[in-house]
């Protein structure tokens, strides 16, 4: 027996899988290094706007912050953040896949294309349930995670303001 609403949620997730895979592969084909994530941040901002989120762009140069306000929230409601990194690595891709990097010397070797796609899928699912949300969700798309350190400038520019807790994820290819 599944939890109430689980089947509906699973159905929504299953429906998003083709777009999630297509987006991840598109981002993989077009990697951008630290603080150069112009195309990626444009895609992120466009998708967040389309979902009806409040969107800030240009945070720490190429970072994006989207805020989903829960419609069942009361004054003082908590805000949780979901963070995804967007930058690629200066590595030549050797993989022979149809979605391999089209940019010589750059690739998503650490899964940030997946992290970005997953966070956007979560934003999509939660935006459809905004009437049920008793708090807010802030989506933080961080540039320059790999080497330069995009987190500090994002914090300095207010990305964490009003956040009560934050969730991050990282893919593993071991399974």
Protein backbone atom coordinates (compact mmCIF):
# COMPACT_ATOMS: atom_id res chain seq x y z
CA UNK A 1 0.00 0.00 0.00
CA UNK A 2 1.40 3.38 -0.94
CA UNK A 3 1.14 6.67 0.93
CA UNK A 4 -1.75 9.00 0.02
CA UNK A 5 -0.89 10.94 -3.11
CA UNK A 6 2.16 8.81 -3.87
CA UNK A 7 0.70 7.28 -7.04
CA UNK A 8 -0.19 10.74 -8.34
CA UNK A 9 3.30 12.02 -7.51
CA UNK A 10 4.94 9.02 -9.17
CA UNK A 11 2.79 9.60 -12.24
CA UNK A 12 3.94 13.23 -12.39
CA UNK A 13 7.57 12.14 -12.07
CA UNK A 14 7.21 9.48 -14.76
CA UNK A 15 5.65 12.09 -17.05
CA UNK A 16 8.68 14.38 -16.57
CA UNK A 17 11.33 11.74 -17.29
CA UNK A 18 11.55 12.28 -21.09
CA UNK A 19 12.00 16.05 -20.62
CA UNK A 20 14.44 15.50 -17.75
CA UNK A 21 16.60 13.21 -19.89
CA UNK A 22 16.41 15.54 -22.91
CA UNK A 23 17.37 18.58 -20.82
CA UNK A 24 20.24 16.77 -19.14
CA UNK A 25 21.58 15.64 -22.50
CA UNK A 26 21.24 19.14 -23.96
CA UNK A 27 23.18 20.61 -21.04
CA UNK A 28 25.76 17.84 -21.40
CA UNK A 29 26.26 18.73 -25.08
CA UNK A 30 26.77 22.42 -24.23
CA UNK A 31 29.06 22.56 -21.17
CA UNK A 32 30.13 25.91 -19.74
CA UNK A 33 32.97 26.48 -17.29
CA UNK A 34 32.88 28.42 -14.02
CA UNK A 35 31.15 31.82 -14.27
CA UNK A 36 30.58 31.20 -18.01
CA UNK A 37 27.22 29.42 -17.54
CA UNK A 38 25.32 31.96 -19.64
CA UNK A 39 23.38 29.51 -21.82
CA UNK A 40 22.66 27.21 -18.90
CA UNK A 41 21.49 29.99 -16.60
CA UNK A 42 19.27 31.32 -19.40
CA UNK A 43 17.59 27.93 -19.74
CA UNK A 44 17.18 27.67 -15.96
CA UNK A 45 15.68 31.17 -15.66
CA UNK A 46 13.29 30.60 -18.58
CA UNK A 47 12.02 27.35 -17.10
CA UNK A 48 11.57 28.82 -13.62
CA UNK A 49 9.68 31.81 -15.07
CA UNK A 50 7.44 29.43 -17.03
CA UNK A 51 6.60 27.64 -13.76
CA UNK A 52 5.56 30.94 -12.17
CA UNK A 53 8.46 31.30 -9.76
CA UNK A 54 9.99 34.61 -8.72
CA UNK A 55 13.37 34.61 -10.46
CA UNK A 56 16.63 36.47 -9.85
CA UNK A 57 19.36 36.16 -12.44
CA UNK A 58 22.94 37.36 -12.45
CA UNK A 59 23.52 36.27 -8.85
CA UNK A 60 27.29 35.82 -8.54
CA UNK A 61 27.47 36.63 -12.27
CA UNK A 62 25.71 33.57 -13.74
CA UNK A 63 23.77 32.12 -10.81
CA UNK A 64 19.99 31.89 -10.72
CA UNK A 65 17.64 31.89 -7.73
CA UNK A 66 13.99 30.97 -8.03
CA UNK A 67 11.43 31.28 -5.23
CA UNK A 68 8.28 29.18 -5.09
CA UNK A 69 5.87 30.58 -2.52
CA UNK A 70 3.58 28.02 -0.97
CA UNK A 71 -0.02 29.18 -1.20
CA UNK A 72 -0.92 27.48 2.10
CA UNK A 73 1.86 29.41 3.87
CA UNK A 74 1.18 31.59 6.87
CA UNK A 75 3.32 34.54 7.99
CA UNK A 76 6.64 33.26 9.26
CA UNK A 77 6.49 30.11 7.13
CA UNK A 78 9.75 28.24 6.70
CA UNK A 79 11.76 28.31 3.50
CA UNK A 80 13.82 25.37 2.35
CA UNK A 81 16.38 25.71 -0.43
CA UNK A 82 17.37 23.17 -3.05
CA UNK A 83 20.80 23.79 -4.53
CA UNK A 84 22.20 22.58 -7.83
CA UNK A 85 25.52 23.36 -9.46
CA UNK A 86 25.77 24.18 -13.17
CA UNK A 87 29.42 24.38 -14.22
CA UNK A 88 31.40 21.93 -16.32
CA UNK A 89 35.04 20.91 -16.15
CA UNK A 90 37.94 21.71 -18.51
CA UNK A 91 38.15 18.07 -19.61
CA UNK A 92 38.05 16.58 -23.11
CA UNK A 93 35.16 14.13 -23.38
CA UNK A 94 36.11 10.67 -24.62
CA UNK A 95 32.66 9.10 -24.23
CA UNK A 96 31.11 7.88 -27.46
CA UNK A 97 27.49 8.85 -26.87
CA UNK A 98 25.13 10.79 -29.11
CA UNK A 99 24.91 13.59 -26.54
CA UNK A 100 28.67 14.02 -26.00
CA UNK A 101 30.07 17.50 -25.48
CA UNK A 102 30.13 19.66 -28.58
CA UNK A 103 32.71 21.96 -26.96
CA UNK A 104 36.27 20.70 -27.24
CA UNK A 105 38.07 20.64 -23.91
CA UNK A 106 34.91 21.03 -21.81
CA UNK A 107 32.49 18.47 -20.43
CA UNK A 108 30.12 17.67 -17.61
CA UNK A 109 32.29 15.03 -15.98
CA UNK A 110 30.86 15.48 -12.49
CA UNK A 111 27.11 15.36 -13.06
CA UNK A 112 26.20 19.02 -12.80
CA UNK A 113 24.05 18.69 -15.93
CA UNK A 114 22.08 16.06 -14.00
CA UNK A 115 21.94 18.15 -10.83
CA UNK A 116 20.51 21.12 -12.73
CA UNK A 117 17.96 18.95 -14.55
CA UNK A 118 16.82 17.23 -11.35
CA UNK A 119 16.38 20.54 -9.50
CA UNK A 120 14.30 21.90 -12.39
CA UNK A 121 12.16 18.74 -12.33
CA UNK A 122 11.58 19.21 -8.59
CA UNK A 123 10.60 22.83 -9.24
CA UNK A 124 8.14 21.62 -11.87
CA UNK A 125 6.55 19.04 -9.56
CA UNK A 126 6.34 21.37 -6.55
CA UNK A 127 4.98 24.28 -8.60
CA UNK A 128 2.01 22.07 -9.51
CA UNK A 129 1.43 21.60 -5.78
CA UNK A 130 1.95 25.19 -4.64
CA UNK A 131 -1.61 25.31 -3.26
CA UNK A 132 -0.65 22.53 -0.83
CA UNK A 133 2.72 23.95 0.24
CA UNK A 134 2.78 25.36 3.77
CA UNK A 135 6.22 26.85 3.25
CA UNK A 136 8.39 28.22 0.49
CA UNK A 137 11.04 26.57 -1.66
CA UNK A 138 14.02 28.49 -2.97
CA UNK A 139 15.91 26.94 -5.89
CA UNK A 140 19.56 27.98 -6.01
CA UNK A 141 21.48 27.28 -9.21
CA UNK A 142 25.12 27.87 -8.40
CA UNK A 143 27.87 28.71 -10.86
CA UNK A 144 31.53 27.86 -10.40
CA UNK A 145 31.21 25.02 -7.91
CA UNK A 146 34.21 23.06 -9.14
CA UNK A 147 37.24 25.26 -8.55
CA UNK A 148 36.66 28.98 -8.23
CA UNK A 149 33.98 28.80 -5.56
CA UNK A 150 30.66 30.26 -6.65
CA UNK A 151 28.92 29.56 -3.34
CA UNK A 152 30.54 32.39 -1.39
CA UNK A 153 29.59 35.16 -3.84
CA UNK A 154 26.05 33.76 -4.07
CA UNK A 155 25.71 33.92 -0.28
CA UNK A 156 27.16 37.45 -0.24
CA UNK A 157 24.60 38.46 -2.89
CA UNK A 158 21.67 37.20 -0.81
CA UNK A 159 20.90 33.75 -2.23
CA UNK A 160 20.53 32.32 1.28
CA UNK A 161 18.44 35.16 2.74
CA UNK A 162 15.36 33.78 4.45
CA UNK A 163 16.46 30.15 4.08
CA UNK A 164 15.84 27.90 7.08
CA UNK A 165 17.45 24.78 5.63
CA UNK A 166 19.08 23.64 2.41
CA UNK A 167 19.29 20.41 0.45
CA UNK A 168 21.93 19.51 -2.09
CA UNK A 169 22.49 16.36 -4.07
CA UNK A 170 25.28 14.68 -5.96
CA UNK A 171 25.04 11.93 -8.54
CA UNK A 172 27.15 8.80 -8.38
CA UNK A 173 27.90 6.55 -11.33
CA UNK A 174 28.76 3.50 -9.21
CA UNK A 175 25.34 1.91 -9.56
